Amino acid sequence: MDQPSRLLLLVDVAELGSFSEAAKRRELDRSVVSKHIARLEQELGVRLLNRSTRSLSLTQAGQAMVQQGRELRDWMYHTQALAENLQQLPSGRLKVSAPGILGRCLGFEAMRRFRQHYPDVQVDLQLEERRVDVIGEGYDLVLRVGDLKDSNLVASPLAPNHLLIGASPAFIERHGEPRDLATLARLPALTFSSQQFQLDYLPYLDDQGREQKLPLNSQVRTSEAEVIKRGVMEGMGIGVLPAFAMYNEVSDGRIVPLMTDLALPEFGVITLLYPHREMPLRTRRFIEILREMVGSPPQWEARIPGFAEMYGKGAGGVGLAS
């Protein structure tokens, strides 16, 4: 490993906070990472890290070197992007991250189409709920839903994330169709729950257009939206589902939208995140395929009969009294 590579390794250690985490990212032994950082300190003639049995912290020199390392990382990214963009066809490896159900609904099909056009590009599609370190882990593109906290990334909206409230015909036959919020709140529900986020409520707009939260009678909690959808179809309860997760379940009658006169706000936006505006050709081509697939309005909403008029998107929904 040469000195620039050790400098990039120092950036990993600083951003991840430990030798162990940097070793996992690089697929190295912890001792190897420690030796390379010690070698870098010898080469530069300065101490870069304050080490203790429980923590690491950067010295003043270490902070300066980490900044240099980040600039080197950015320079390398731009150099590689420039080299690829001078070619007529994309090359290299495309690394993409997406939440599980979004990756299954969009990521796989986009990857399939992309590989048909550009078979020389290797695709690494990771489906994961955690917020990945886009720059540090070398991702070209990340799909996310909801609020964004990465101010150092470039964000581009892909599509709105509209919700629908659904139940199976068998469930409605047993419990009746809810006509007000109080009834809806009493029905058993399947809700989303993960380490990062819980959606055990229904966001809706009241008569004044203010966003409110209706607590749901959560009987099943899961980190997989696909499990919620299957549970709803099996009659286990109601579910609040993203429209992008729907295929033909509504059109063929397996899921019935409930309380469609209730106004629901957009639940965030499906967004594309990437490290720099000057992206490699492979990333640009993948994004073009994604946008063509999704369309405007999103093609998945067209699969839900009458969805453009549901939940306040048409002439204007109203909040229903409890």
Foldseek 3Di string as FASTA:
>chain_A
DDLLVLLLLLLLCAVVFHLVRSCVLVVHDSVVNVVSVVVNCVVVVHDAWDDDPPGIDGDPVVVVSSVVSVVVLVVVQLVVQVVQVVDPAHAEEAEEEEAALCCVLFVVVLVVVLCVVHVRYHYHYHHHDDDDPCSSSPHAKYKDFADDDCPQWDKDFQAFWDKFKKAFPVLCVVQNADDALVSQQPWEAEWEDDPVDTDQWAWFAAQVRDTDTGGHNYPHYYNDLVVRVVCRLVGVTMYIHTLSSDDQCQVVRSMDTGPQLTAGDGRGTTMMIGNDPSGHPSSVVSVVSSNVQQDVNGPSCVSHPPSCCGRQNNPGGHHGHD
